[in-house]
């Protein structure tokens, strides 16, 4: 029996997904150059060891939340649909990033960072699943996957630049106090996530029909083994990138660089990776 070709995702709907990917990667990137300064602002002047410790743990909390939450969100989206989960992720990410910008408690910084990662984890796997649901061919799917990667890479490039330069502009041009200057890039990322959520509401189709094809008897076992290996690779890659990001931010601060210069270094790394 022939399987009907799935309806292709329109460019209008795809643009909402791309903006969502861009928004969460910008939201992650803006925090990288300002994180050590934000910790000092909340916790006061601390020893270099304590500053390194908190910077590493806060970065790790975000990454671990993504690693743990992504498979869960993907499974929930199989039952509840792609659009509600993407929308929930964006709204939750906007709320927790805004909370992260205004909190003045170190434990609440940890809570906000973990929750931001947990909600961000709802976007990427569900976006890929959405593309897979509507893919009429492998070539079509691969092309749209590449566009998602480009949107994410662009966010990683823009985010650190925005994070560093927004602090400098807010402090010099608008004469804001240091605490308000550090909040500006995070609040900007919050606004971008809200815009992405509005686009998802307006442009992304609500209903999704997936074609189900009977798999060979041993396919489930093969997929399980492959999934374990892929998760292991993803964990190692995430840990390696996290270590690099923490080290670069701390090294820049030790050298006396401000958030803008550290943001430029992160953007340079993102450009090379792209």
C-alpha atoms as a PDB file:
ATOM      1  CA  UNK A   1       0.000   0.000   0.000  1.00  0.00           C
ATOM      2  CA  UNK A   2       1.466   3.336  -1.043  1.00  0.00           C
ATOM      3  CA  UNK A   3       2.158   5.916   1.624  1.00  0.00           C
ATOM      4  CA  UNK A   4       0.836   9.402   0.947  1.00  0.00           C
ATOM      5  CA  UNK A   5       3.467  12.107   0.634  1.00  0.00           C
ATOM      6  CA  UNK A   6       3.434  14.415   3.678  1.00  0.00           C
ATOM      7  CA  UNK A   7       2.497  18.042   3.208  1.00  0.00           C
ATOM      8  CA  UNK A   8       5.594  20.162   2.806  1.00  0.00           C
ATOM      9  CA  UNK A   9       6.313  22.788   5.417  1.00  0.00           C
ATOM     10  CA  UNK A  10       5.832  26.183   3.791  1.00  0.00           C
ATOM     11  CA  UNK A  11       8.611  28.744   3.807  1.00  0.00           C
ATOM     12  CA  UNK A  12       6.426  30.961   5.979  1.00  0.00           C
ATOM     13  CA  UNK A  13       6.082  28.259   8.620  1.00  0.00           C
ATOM     14  CA  UNK A  14       9.760  27.362   8.319  1.00  0.00           C
ATOM     15  CA  UNK A  15      10.733  30.979   8.942  1.00  0.00           C
ATOM     16  CA  UNK A  16       9.001  30.831  12.338  1.00  0.00           C
ATOM     17  CA  UNK A  17      11.036  27.749  13.246  1.00  0.00           C
ATOM     18  CA  UNK A  18      14.261  29.429  12.122  1.00  0.00           C
ATOM     19  CA  UNK A  19      13.528  32.523  14.201  1.00  0.00           C
ATOM     20  CA  UNK A  20      12.830  30.267  17.203  1.00  0.00           C
ATOM     21  CA  UNK A  21      16.207  28.555  16.765  1.00  0.00           C
ATOM     22  CA  UNK A  22      17.926  31.906  16.342  1.00  0.00           C
ATOM     23  CA  UNK A  23      16.236  33.296  19.464  1.00  0.00           C
ATOM     24  CA  UNK A  24      17.339  30.540  21.842  1.00  0.00           C
ATOM     25  CA  UNK A  25      20.925  30.492  20.578  1.00  0.00           C
ATOM     26  CA  UNK A  26      21.115  34.275  20.920  1.00  0.00           C
ATOM     27  CA  UNK A  27      19.694  33.904  24.420  1.00  0.00           C
ATOM     28  CA  UNK A  28      22.441  31.443  25.290  1.00  0.00           C
ATOM     29  CA  UNK A  29      25.196  33.446  23.635  1.00  0.00           C
ATOM     30  CA  UNK A  30      24.419  36.803  25.264  1.00  0.00           C
ATOM     31  CA  UNK A  31      25.154  35.357  28.704  1.00  0.00           C
ATOM     32  CA  UNK A  32      28.615  33.996  27.845  1.00  0.00           C
ATOM     33  CA  UNK A  33      30.675  37.223  27.981  1.00  0.00           C
ATOM     34  CA  UNK A  34      28.778  38.749  30.915  1.00  0.00           C
ATOM     35  CA  UNK A  35      28.422  35.703  33.180  1.00  0.00           C
ATOM     36  CA  UNK A  36      31.540  36.308  35.348  1.00  0.00           C
ATOM     37  CA  UNK A  37      30.590  39.981  35.760  1.00  0.00           C
ATOM     38  CA  UNK A  38      27.006  39.047  36.620  1.00  0.00           C
ATOM     39  CA  UNK A  39      28.192  36.619  39.300  1.00  0.00           C
ATOM     40  CA  UNK A  40      30.401  39.289  40.846  1.00  0.00           C
ATOM     41  CA  UNK A  41      27.519  41.713  40.831  1.00  0.00           C
ATOM     42  CA  UNK A  42      25.226  39.282  42.663  1.00  0.00           C
ATOM     43  CA  UNK A  43      27.718  37.567  44.965  1.00  0.00           C
ATOM     44  CA  UNK A  44      30.083  40.500  45.494  1.00  0.00           C
ATOM     45  CA  UNK A  45      33.833  40.397  45.041  1.00  0.00           C
ATOM     46  CA  UNK A  46      34.845  36.763  45.380  1.00  0.00           C
ATOM     47  CA  UNK A  47      38.092  34.830  45.156  1.00  0.00           C
ATOM     48  CA  UNK A  48      39.116  33.808  41.627  1.00  0.00           C
ATOM     49  CA  UNK A  49      38.559  30.153  42.537  1.00  0.00           C
ATOM     50  CA  UNK A  50      34.988  30.837  43.662  1.00  0.00           C
ATOM     51  CA  UNK A  51      34.276  32.920  40.558  1.00  0.00           C
ATOM     52  CA  UNK A  52      35.582  30.119  38.335  1.00  0.00           C
ATOM     53  CA  UNK A  53      33.541  27.579  40.259  1.00  0.00           C
ATOM     54  CA  UNK A  54      30.246  29.464  39.912  1.00  0.00           C
ATOM     55  CA  UNK A  55      30.869  30.344  36.246  1.00  0.00           C
ATOM     56  CA  UNK A  56      31.499  26.701  35.435  1.00  0.00           C
ATOM     57  CA  UNK A  57      28.522  25.423  37.398  1.00  0.00           C
ATOM     58  CA  UNK A  58      26.132  27.965  35.905  1.00  0.00           C
ATOM     59  CA  UNK A  59      27.263  27.096  32.379  1.00  0.00           C
ATOM     60  CA  UNK A  60      27.078  23.398  33.198  1.00  0.00           C
ATOM     61  CA  UNK A  61      23.580  23.744  34.642  1.00  0.00           C
ATOM     62  CA  UNK A  62      22.339  25.107  31.302  1.00  0.00           C
ATOM     63  CA  UNK A  63      24.053  22.420  29.233  1.00  0.00           C
ATOM     64  CA  UNK A  64      22.966  19.539  31.470  1.00  0.00           C
ATOM     65  CA  UNK A  65      19.386  20.825  31.417  1.00  0.00           C
ATOM     66  CA  UNK A  66      19.435  20.700  27.613  1.00  0.00           C
ATOM     67  CA  UNK A  67      20.943  17.214  27.574  1.00  0.00           C
ATOM     68  CA  UNK A  68      18.359  15.895  30.029  1.00  0.00           C
ATOM     69  CA  UNK A  69      15.365  17.802  28.700  1.00  0.00           C
ATOM     70  CA  UNK A  70      15.722  17.365  24.931  1.00  0.00           C
ATOM     71  CA  UNK A  71      14.707  13.661  24.754  1.00  0.00           C
ATOM     72  CA  UNK A  72      11.810  14.293  27.137  1.00  0.00           C
ATOM     73  CA  UNK A  73      10.466  17.216  25.117  1.00  0.00           C
ATOM     74  CA  UNK A  74      10.807  15.211  21.918  1.00  0.00           C
ATOM     75  CA  UNK A  75       8.722  12.390  23.336  1.00  0.00           C
ATOM     76  CA  UNK A  76       6.090  14.781  24.677  1.00  0.00           C
ATOM     77  CA  UNK A  77       5.835  16.450  21.268  1.00  0.00           C
ATOM     78  CA  UNK A  78       5.093  13.048  19.711  1.00  0.00           C
ATOM     79  CA  UNK A  79       1.932  12.968  21.808  1.00  0.00           C
ATOM     80  CA  UNK A  80       0.944  16.626  22.083  1.00  0.00           C
ATOM     81  CA  UNK A  81       2.116  18.001  18.746  1.00  0.00           C
ATOM     82  CA  UNK A  82       5.105  20.079  17.702  1.00  0.00           C
ATOM     83  CA  UNK A  83       3.651  23.587  17.824  1.00  0.00           C
ATOM     84  CA  UNK A  84       2.532  23.580  21.504  1.00  0.00           C
ATOM     85  CA  UNK A  85       5.944  22.347  22.665  1.00  0.00           C
ATOM     86  CA  UNK A  86       7.890  24.886  20.596  1.00  0.00           C
ATOM     87  CA  UNK A  87       5.601  27.629  21.881  1.00  0.00           C
ATOM     88  CA  UNK A  88       5.938  26.444  25.478  1.00  0.00           C
ATOM     89  CA  UNK A  89       9.719  26.332  25.111  1.00  0.00           C
ATOM     90  CA  UNK A  90       9.896  29.893  23.776  1.00  0.00           C
ATOM     91  CA  UNK A  91       7.577  31.351  26.407  1.00  0.00           C
ATOM     92  CA  UNK A  92       9.371  29.510  29.197  1.00  0.00           C
ATOM     93  CA  UNK A  93      12.758  30.559  27.839  1.00  0.00           C
ATOM     94  CA  UNK A  94      11.680  34.200  27.640  1.00  0.00           C
ATOM     95  CA  UNK A  95      10.349  34.136  31.204  1.00  0.00           C
ATOM     96  CA  UNK A  96      13.398  32.441  32.724  1.00  0.00           C
ATOM     97  CA  UNK A  97      15.883  34.616  30.812  1.00  0.00           C
ATOM     98  CA  UNK A  98      14.079  37.722  32.007  1.00  0.00           C
ATOM     99  CA  UNK A  99      14.130  36.318  35.534  1.00  0.00           C
ATOM    100  CA  UNK A 100      17.852  35.628  35.186  1.00  0.00           C
ATOM    101  CA  UNK A 101      18.389  39.269  34.225  1.00  0.00           C
ATOM    102  CA  UNK A 102      16.753  40.791  37.291  1.00  0.00           C
ATOM    103  CA  UNK A 103      17.443  38.330  40.115  1.00  0.00           C
ATOM    104  CA  UNK A 104      19.876  39.371  42.822  1.00  0.00           C
ATOM    105  CA  UNK A 105      20.342  35.974  44.477  1.00  0.00           C
ATOM    106  CA  UNK A 106      23.036  33.471  43.541  1.00  0.00           C
ATOM    107  CA  UNK A 107      20.833  30.399  44.182  1.00  0.00           C
ATOM    108  CA  UNK A 108      18.145  31.967  42.003  1.00  0.00           C
ATOM    109  CA  UNK A 109      20.755  32.520  39.282  1.00  0.00           C
ATOM    110  CA  UNK A 110      21.309  28.759  39.285  1.00  0.00           C
ATOM    111  CA  UNK A 111      17.569  28.098  39.181  1.00  0.00           C
ATOM    112  CA  UNK A 112      17.026  30.556  36.344  1.00  0.00           C
ATOM    113  CA  UNK A 113      19.921  29.193  34.298  1.00  0.00           C
ATOM    114  CA  UNK A 114      18.780  25.594  34.692  1.00  0.00           C
ATOM    115  CA  UNK A 115      15.175  26.413  33.774  1.00  0.00           C
ATOM    116  CA  UNK A 116      16.317  28.453  30.765  1.00  0.00           C
ATOM    117  CA  UNK A 117      18.249  25.439  29.503  1.00  0.00           C
ATOM    118  CA  UNK A 118      15.301  23.159  30.189  1.00  0.00           C
ATOM    119  CA  UNK A 119      12.929  25.290  28.130  1.00  0.00           C
ATOM    120  CA  UNK A 120      15.527  25.864  25.397  1.00  0.00           C
ATOM    121  CA  UNK A 121      15.789  22.075  25.107  1.00  0.00           C
ATOM    122  CA  UNK A 122      12.232  22.025  23.780  1.00  0.00           C
ATOM    123  CA  UNK A 123      13.134  23.907  20.602  1.00  0.00           C
ATOM    124  CA  UNK A 124      15.906  22.081  18.752  1.00  0.00           C
ATOM    125  CA  UNK A 125      14.719  18.430  18.853  1.00  0.00           C
ATOM    126  CA  UNK A 126      11.127  19.395  18.145  1.00  0.00           C
ATOM    127  CA  UNK A 127      12.198  21.644  15.265  1.00  0.00           C
ATOM    128  CA  UNK A 128      14.084  18.732  13.698  1.00  0.00           C
ATOM    129  CA  UNK A 129      11.106  16.439  14.286  1.00  0.00           C
ATOM    130  CA  UNK A 130       8.817  18.976  12.654  1.00  0.00           C
ATOM    131  CA  UNK A 131      10.997  19.034   9.550  1.00  0.00           C
ATOM    132  CA  UNK A 132      11.028  15.228   9.517  1.00  0.00           C
ATOM    133  CA  UNK A 133       7.230  15.118   9.763  1.00  0.00           C
ATOM    134  CA  UNK A 134       6.874  17.182   6.603  1.00  0.00           C
ATOM    135  CA  UNK A 135       9.818  15.862   4.590  1.00  0.00           C
ATOM    136  CA  UNK A 136       8.815  14.494   1.164  1.00  0.00           C
ATOM    137  CA  UNK A 137      12.390  13.355   0.465  1.00  0.00           C
ATOM    138  CA  UNK A 138      15.762  12.951   2.138  1.00  0.00           C
ATOM    139  CA  UNK A 139      17.183  15.812   0.083  1.00  0.00           C
ATOM    140  CA  UNK A 140      14.386  18.178   1.162  1.00  0.00           C
ATOM    141  CA  UNK A 141      14.872  17.180   4.798  1.00  0.00           C
ATOM    142  CA  UNK A 142      18.670  17.593   4.669  1.00  0.00           C
ATOM    143  CA  UNK A 143      18.335  21.071   3.177  1.00  0.00           C
ATOM    144  CA  UNK A 144      15.933  22.210   5.919  1.00  0.00           C
ATOM    145  CA  UNK A 145      18.131  20.658   8.591  1.00  0.00           C
ATOM    146  CA  UNK A 146      21.000  22.728   7.209  1.00  0.00           C
ATOM    147  CA  UNK A 147      18.898  25.881   7.466  1.00  0.00           C
ATOM    148  CA  UNK A 148      18.158  25.118  11.120  1.00  0.00           C
ATOM    149  CA  UNK A 149      21.882  24.709  11.747  1.00  0.00           C
ATOM    150  CA  UNK A 150      22.575  28.013   9.993  1.00  0.00           C
ATOM    151  CA  UNK A 151      19.985  29.788  12.158  1.00  0.00           C
ATOM    152  CA  UNK A 152      21.562  28.325  15.282  1.00  0.00           C
ATOM    153  CA  UNK A 153      25.087  29.233  14.184  1.00  0.00           C
ATOM    154  CA  UNK A 154      23.981  32.782  13.407  1.00  0.00           C
ATOM    155  CA  UNK A 155      22.544  33.035  16.912  1.00  0.00           C
ATOM    156  CA  UNK A 156      25.791  31.814  18.467  1.00  0.00           C
ATOM    157  CA  UNK A 157      27.609  34.483  16.448  1.00  0.00           C
ATOM    158  CA  UNK A 158      25.241  37.372  17.191  1.00  0.00           C
ATOM    159  CA  UNK A 159      24.563  36.455  20.831  1.00  0.00           C
ATOM    160  CA  UNK A 160      28.025  37.095  22.344  1.00  0.00           C
ATOM    161  CA  UNK A 161      28.439  40.254  20.254  1.00  0.00           C
ATOM    162  CA  UNK A 162      25.073  41.490  21.470  1.00  0.00           C
ATOM    163  CA  UNK A 163      25.847  40.520  25.040  1.00  0.00           C
ATOM    164  CA  UNK A 164      29.127  42.399  25.174  1.00  0.00           C
ATOM    165  CA  UNK A 165      28.283  45.441  23.083  1.00  0.00           C
ATOM    166  CA  UNK A 166      24.889  45.998  24.739  1.00  0.00           C
ATOM    167  CA  UNK A 167      26.608  46.337  28.114  1.00  0.00           C
ATOM    168  CA  UNK A 168      29.034  48.911  26.715  1.00  0.00           C
ATOM    169  CA  UNK A 169      26.352  50.894  24.878  1.00  0.00           C
ATOM    170  CA  UNK A 170      24.001  50.880  27.864  1.00  0.00           C
ATOM    171  CA  UNK A 171      26.760  52.059  30.178  1.00  0.00           C
ATOM    172  CA  UNK A 172      28.281  54.773  27.990  1.00  0.00           C
ATOM    173  CA  UNK A 173      25.491  55.969  25.725  1.00  0.00           C
ATOM    174  CA  UNK A 174      22.590  55.755  28.168  1.00  0.00           C
ATOM    175  CA  UNK A 175      24.654  56.143  31.361  1.00  0.00           C
ATOM    176  CA  UNK A 176      23.000  53.158  32.997  1.00  0.00           C
ATOM    177  CA  UNK A 177      24.359  51.739  36.239  1.00  0.00           C
ATOM    178  CA  UNK A 178      26.470  48.545  35.974  1.00  0.00           C
ATOM    179  CA  UNK A 179      23.662  46.294  37.246  1.00  0.00           C
ATOM    180  CA  UNK A 180      21.221  47.634  34.672  1.00  0.00           C
ATOM    181  CA  UNK A 181      23.855  47.474  31.919  1.00  0.00           C
ATOM    182  CA  UNK A 182      24.372  43.742  32.542  1.00  0.00           C
ATOM    183  CA  UNK A 183      20.622  43.167  32.412  1.00  0.00           C
ATOM    184  CA  UNK A 184      20.187  44.829  29.000  1.00  0.00           C
ATOM    185  CA  UNK A 185      21.442  41.977  26.733  1.00  0.00           C
ATOM    186  CA  UNK A 186      19.418  39.407  28.682  1.00  0.00           C
ATOM    187  CA  UNK A 187      16.271  41.512  28.423  1.00  0.00           C
ATOM    188  CA  UNK A 188      16.933  41.930  24.700  1.00  0.00           C
ATOM    189  CA  UNK A 189      17.129  38.146  24.351  1.00  0.00           C
ATOM    190  CA  UNK A 190      13.861  37.901  26.281  1.00  0.00           C
ATOM    191  CA  UNK A 191      12.180  40.214  23.801  1.00  0.00           C
ATOM    192  CA  UNK A 192      13.525  38.242  20.860  1.00  0.00           C
ATOM    193  CA  UNK A 193      12.112  35.015  22.314  1.00  0.00           C
ATOM    194  CA  UNK A 194       8.720  36.705  22.734  1.00  0.00           C
ATOM    195  CA  UNK A 195       8.790  37.802  19.078  1.00  0.00           C
ATOM    196  CA  UNK A 196       9.642  34.239  18.040  1.00  0.00           C
ATOM    197  CA  UNK A 197       6.718  32.925  20.101  1.00  0.00           C
ATOM    198  CA  UNK A 198       4.334  35.335  18.380  1.00  0.00           C
ATOM    199  CA  UNK A 199       5.574  34.192  14.970  1.00  0.00           C
ATOM    200  CA  UNK A 200       5.083  30.552  15.966  1.00  0.00           C
ATOM    201  CA  UNK A 201       1.496  31.292  17.003  1.00  0.00           C
ATOM    202  CA  UNK A 202       0.738  33.090  13.750  1.00  0.00           C
ATOM    203  CA  UNK A 203       2.705  31.115  11.159  1.00  0.00           C
ATOM    204  CA  UNK A 204       3.232  27.536  12.318  1.00  0.00           C
ATOM    205  CA  UNK A 205       0.517  25.004  11.476  1.00  0.00           C
ATOM    206  CA  UNK A 206      -1.148  23.410  14.474  1.00  0.00           C
ATOM    207  CA  UNK A 207      -1.931  19.949  13.150  1.00  0.00           C
ATOM    208  CA  UNK A 208       0.730  17.500  12.075  1.00  0.00           C
ATOM    209  CA  UNK A 209       0.103  14.230  10.282  1.00  0.00           C
ATOM    210  CA  UNK A 210       2.929  11.746  10.460  1.00  0.00           C
ATOM    211  CA  UNK A 211       3.279   8.767   8.206  1.00  0.00           C
ATOM    212  CA  UNK A 212       3.949   5.575  10.130  1.00  0.00           C
ATOM    213  CA  UNK A 213       5.781   2.801   8.314  1.00  0.00           C
ATOM    214  CA  UNK A 214       6.135  -0.689   9.734  1.00  0.00           C
ATOM    215  CA  UNK A 215       9.764  -1.216  10.702  1.00  0.00           C
ATOM    216  CA  UNK A 216      11.684  -4.516  10.555  1.00  0.00           C
ATOM    217  CA  UNK A 217      11.572  -6.574  13.782  1.00  0.00           C
ATOM    218  CA  UNK A 218      15.165  -5.746  14.713  1.00  0.00           C
ATOM    219  CA  UNK A 219      14.896  -2.035  13.879  1.00  0.00           C
ATOM    220  CA  UNK A 220      14.010  -1.028  17.431  1.00  0.00           C
ATOM    221  CA  UNK A 221      17.102  -2.728  18.830  1.00  0.00           C
ATOM    222  CA  UNK A 222      19.324  -1.138  16.185  1.00  0.00           C
ATOM    223  CA  UNK A 223      17.842   2.289  16.851  1.00  0.00           C
ATOM    224  CA  UNK A 224      18.339   1.861  20.597  1.00  0.00           C
ATOM    225  CA  UNK A 225      22.025   1.044  20.192  1.00  0.00           C
ATOM    226  CA  UNK A 226      22.511   3.941  17.776  1.00  0.00           C
ATOM    227  CA  UNK A 227      20.714   6.310  20.132  1.00  0.00           C
ATOM    228  CA  UNK A 228      22.988   5.418  23.049  1.00  0.00           C
ATOM    229  CA  UNK A 229      26.061   6.085  20.929  1.00  0.00           C
ATOM    230  CA  UNK A 230      24.700   9.361  19.603  1.00  0.00           C
ATOM    231  CA  UNK A 231      23.785  10.544  23.097  1.00  0.00           C
ATOM    232  CA  UNK A 232      27.300   9.699  24.304  1.00  0.00           C
ATOM    233  CA  UNK A 233      28.827  11.694  21.437  1.00  0.00           C
ATOM    234  CA  UNK A 234      26.493  14.616  22.109  1.00  0.00           C
ATOM    235  CA  UNK A 235      27.381  14.615  25.823  1.00  0.00           C
ATOM    236  CA  UNK A 236      31.125  14.621  25.157  1.00  0.00           C
ATOM    237  CA  UNK A 237      30.786  17.410  22.598  1.00  0.00           C
ATOM    238  CA  UNK A 238      28.604  19.499  24.923  1.00  0.00           C
ATOM    239  CA  UNK A 239      31.030  19.080  27.814  1.00  0.00           C
ATOM    240  CA  UNK A 240      34.010  20.013  25.640  1.00  0.00           C
ATOM    241  CA  UNK A 241      32.296  23.139  24.321  1.00  0.00           C
ATOM    242  CA  UNK A 242      31.161  24.073  27.819  1.00  0.00           C
ATOM    243  CA  UNK A 243      34.703  23.805  29.206  1.00  0.00           C
ATOM    244  CA  UNK A 244      35.985  26.001  26.381  1.00  0.00           C
ATOM    245  CA  UNK A 245      33.287  28.626  26.912  1.00  0.00           C
ATOM    246  CA  UNK A 246      33.931  28.865  30.646  1.00  0.00           C
ATOM    247  CA  UNK A 247      37.688  29.054  30.122  1.00  0.00           C
ATOM    248  CA  UNK A 248      37.427  31.761  27.472  1.00  0.00           C
ATOM    249  CA  UNK A 249      35.145  33.971  29.583  1.00  0.00           C
ATOM    250  CA  UNK A 250      37.330  33.628  32.671  1.00  0.00           C
ATOM    251  CA  UNK A 251      40.553  34.107  30.747  1.00  0.00           C
ATOM    252  CA  UNK A 252      39.226  37.287  29.207  1.00  0.00           C
ATOM    253  CA  UNK A 253      38.284  38.644  32.627  1.00  0.00           C
ATOM    254  CA  UNK A 254      41.711  37.746  34.068  1.00  0.00           C
ATOM    255  CA  UNK A 255      43.328  39.680  31.215  1.00  0.00           C
ATOM    256  CA  UNK A 256      41.254  42.731  32.166  1.00  0.00           C
ATOM    257  CA  UNK A 257      38.974  42.658  29.120  1.00  0.00           C
ATOM    258  CA  UNK A 258      35.457  44.007  29.375  1.00  0.00           C
ATOM    259  CA  UNK A 259      32.313  42.155  28.287  1.00  0.00           C
ATOM    260  CA  UNK A 260      32.435  43.693  24.798  1.00  0.00           C
ATOM    261  CA  UNK A 261      35.934  42.364  24.062  1.00  0.00           C
ATOM    262  CA  UNK A 262      35.068  38.931  25.465  1.00  0.00           C
ATOM    263  CA  UNK A 263      31.939  38.891  23.309  1.00  0.00           C
ATOM    264  CA  UNK A 264      34.039  39.628  20.224  1.00  0.00           C
ATOM    265  CA  UNK A 265      36.295  36.668  21.062  1.00  0.00           C
ATOM    266  CA  UNK A 266      33.272  34.378  21.319  1.00  0.00           C
ATOM    267  CA  UNK A 267      31.895  35.712  18.043  1.00  0.00           C
ATOM    268  CA  UNK A 268      35.247  35.083  16.365  1.00  0.00           C
ATOM    269  CA  UNK A 269      35.162  31.457  17.533  1.00  0.00           C
ATOM    270  CA  UNK A 270      31.596  31.058  16.264  1.00  0.00           C
ATOM    271  CA  UNK A 271      32.608  32.476  12.885  1.00  0.00           C
ATOM    272  CA  UNK A 272      35.472  29.989  12.563  1.00  0.00           C
ATOM    273  CA  UNK A 273      33.150  27.129  13.550  1.00  0.00           C
ATOM    274  CA  UNK A 274      30.654  28.245  10.925  1.00  0.00           C
END
